[in-house]
C-alpha cells in the first residue's frame, strides 16, 4: 500500500516528465473524472462535492482555453468556442444542480479526450 505522500510524488513526477501532448490528455482525463464525480454527487444530492468538482472542471477548461494557440491551428477558434460553451454549461449546471447538463458536458468532452489520445499516440510515433 502506498502512502499519500508517495502517490503525490509519483503524480508530480509524472506531470513534470510528461510531454505536452500527454499533459493535454491528462487534463482531459481529469476533466472527465471531475464531471463524472459531479454527476454522481448531484444524483446523490451532495451539492458540496458537486460544486467542488464542477469548479475544478471549470478551472481545467479555463486552462485549456487560455493555453490554446489561436495563431497556430485553424481549428483552435472552434475549440475555443467549445470551451466557452462548456464553461457556460458547467456554471449553469452548478447553479441549478442540473445533472443532465453535467452529463451533456461529459458526453461532449469524452470524444475530445479520445481524439487527443489518438493525436498524442500519432505524435509519439517515431518518424519512418
Protein backbone atom coordinates (compact mmCIF):
# COMPACT_ATOMS: atom_id res chain seq x y z
CA UNK A 1 0.00 0.00 0.00
CA UNK A 2 1.41 3.38 -0.96
CA UNK A 3 1.22 6.43 1.22
CA UNK A 4 -0.49 9.65 0.14
CA UNK A 5 2.95 11.32 0.03
CA UNK A 6 4.27 8.64 -2.34
CA UNK A 7 1.23 8.97 -4.60
CA UNK A 8 1.63 12.76 -4.65
CA UNK A 9 5.32 12.44 -5.53
CA UNK A 10 4.53 9.97 -8.31
CA UNK A 11 1.87 12.31 -9.70
CA UNK A 12 4.20 15.30 -9.55
CA UNK A 13 6.97 13.32 -11.26
CA UNK A 14 4.51 12.14 -13.93
CA UNK A 15 3.44 15.70 -14.66
CA UNK A 16 6.99 17.06 -14.64
CA UNK A 17 8.21 14.49 -17.17
CA UNK A 18 5.14 14.33 -19.42
CA UNK A 19 5.23 15.61 -22.99
CA UNK A 20 2.91 18.50 -23.89
CA UNK A 21 0.62 16.04 -25.67
CA UNK A 22 0.48 13.78 -22.62
CA UNK A 23 -0.22 16.77 -20.34
CA UNK A 24 -3.15 17.72 -22.56
CA UNK A 25 -4.53 14.18 -22.36
CA UNK A 26 -4.05 14.19 -18.58
CA UNK A 27 -6.07 17.42 -18.31
CA UNK A 28 -8.87 15.93 -20.38
CA UNK A 29 -8.81 12.73 -18.33
CA UNK A 30 -9.13 14.73 -15.12
CA UNK A 31 -11.91 16.82 -16.66
CA UNK A 32 -13.90 13.65 -17.39
CA UNK A 33 -13.26 12.40 -13.84
CA UNK A 34 -14.46 15.70 -12.36
CA UNK A 35 -17.60 15.70 -14.50
CA UNK A 36 -18.34 12.05 -13.63
CA UNK A 37 -17.89 12.76 -9.93
CA UNK A 38 -20.10 15.86 -10.14
CA UNK A 39 -22.74 13.80 -11.93
CA UNK A 40 -22.66 11.16 -9.20
CA UNK A 41 -22.69 13.76 -6.44
CA UNK A 42 -25.67 15.61 -7.91
CA UNK A 43 -27.51 12.32 -8.31
CA UNK A 44 -26.91 11.65 -4.61
CA UNK A 45 -27.93 15.16 -3.56
CA UNK A 46 -24.38 16.04 -2.49
CA UNK A 47 -24.24 19.67 -3.65
CA UNK A 48 -20.96 20.41 -1.86
CA UNK A 49 -19.00 17.72 -3.69
CA UNK A 50 -20.71 18.55 -6.99
CA UNK A 51 -19.82 22.22 -6.56
CA UNK A 52 -16.19 21.35 -5.81
CA UNK A 53 -15.87 19.01 -8.82
CA UNK A 54 -17.62 21.42 -11.20
CA UNK A 55 -15.41 24.30 -10.09
CA UNK A 56 -12.31 22.17 -10.64
CA UNK A 57 -13.62 21.16 -14.07
CA UNK A 58 -14.13 24.83 -14.88
CA UNK A 59 -10.53 25.57 -13.88
CA UNK A 60 -9.34 22.86 -16.26
CA UNK A 61 -11.40 24.24 -19.14
CA UNK A 62 -10.10 27.74 -18.42
CA UNK A 63 -6.54 26.38 -18.52
CA UNK A 64 -7.24 24.57 -21.79
CA UNK A 65 -8.79 27.69 -23.27
CA UNK A 66 -6.03 30.09 -22.21
CA UNK A 67 -3.28 27.76 -23.42
CA UNK A 68 -4.90 27.39 -26.83
CA UNK A 69 -2.77 28.96 -29.56
CA UNK A 70 -5.26 30.50 -31.97
CA UNK A 71 -2.44 31.56 -34.32
CA UNK A 72 -1.04 28.04 -34.85
CA UNK A 73 -4.07 25.99 -35.80
CA UNK A 74 -7.15 26.98 -37.76
CA UNK A 75 -9.37 24.69 -35.67
CA UNK A 76 -8.35 26.47 -32.48
CA UNK A 77 -11.08 29.09 -32.80
CA UNK A 78 -13.77 26.42 -32.95
CA UNK A 79 -12.23 24.60 -30.00
CA UNK A 80 -12.17 27.89 -28.05
CA UNK A 81 -15.90 28.21 -28.74
CA UNK A 82 -16.49 24.69 -27.42
CA UNK A 83 -14.55 25.57 -24.27
CA UNK A 84 -16.67 28.71 -23.84
CA UNK A 85 -19.83 26.68 -24.27
CA UNK A 86 -18.61 24.09 -21.73
CA UNK A 87 -17.85 26.78 -19.18
CA UNK A 88 -21.31 28.25 -19.52
CA UNK A 89 -22.97 24.86 -19.25
CA UNK A 90 -20.94 23.86 -16.19
CA UNK A 91 -21.73 27.13 -14.44
CA UNK A 92 -25.41 26.71 -15.24
CA UNK A 93 -25.36 23.07 -14.12
CA UNK A 94 -23.78 24.09 -10.84
CA UNK A 95 -26.22 26.93 -10.16
CA UNK A 96 -29.26 24.79 -11.00
CA UNK A 97 -27.91 21.45 -9.70
CA UNK A 98 -28.72 20.11 -13.17
CA UNK A 99 -27.30 16.62 -13.53
CA UNK A 100 -28.41 16.41 -17.19
CA UNK A 101 -26.24 19.41 -18.10
CA UNK A 102 -23.29 17.72 -16.41
CA UNK A 103 -23.99 14.54 -18.39
CA UNK A 104 -24.14 16.58 -21.61
CA UNK A 105 -20.80 18.22 -20.80
CA UNK A 106 -19.19 14.86 -20.11
CA UNK A 107 -20.59 13.44 -23.35
CA UNK A 108 -19.12 16.41 -25.22
CA UNK A 109 -15.70 16.07 -23.57
CA UNK A 110 -15.27 12.29 -23.92
CA UNK A 111 -14.89 12.28 -27.74
CA UNK A 112 -12.44 15.18 -27.44
CA UNK A 113 -10.43 13.14 -24.95
CA UNK A 114 -10.43 10.19 -27.37
CA UNK A 115 -9.30 12.44 -30.24
CA UNK A 116 -6.45 13.95 -28.20
CA UNK A 117 -5.38 10.47 -27.06
CA UNK A 118 -5.20 9.37 -30.69
CA UNK A 119 -3.32 12.51 -31.67
CA UNK A 120 -0.82 12.04 -28.85
CA UNK A 121 -0.17 8.44 -29.93
CA UNK A 122 0.38 9.51 -33.51
CA UNK A 123 2.69 12.33 -32.49
CA UNK A 124 4.67 9.94 -30.29
CA UNK A 125 5.32 7.51 -33.15
CA UNK A 126 8.87 7.63 -34.49
CA UNK A 127 9.28 9.08 -37.97
CA UNK A 128 9.68 6.44 -40.65
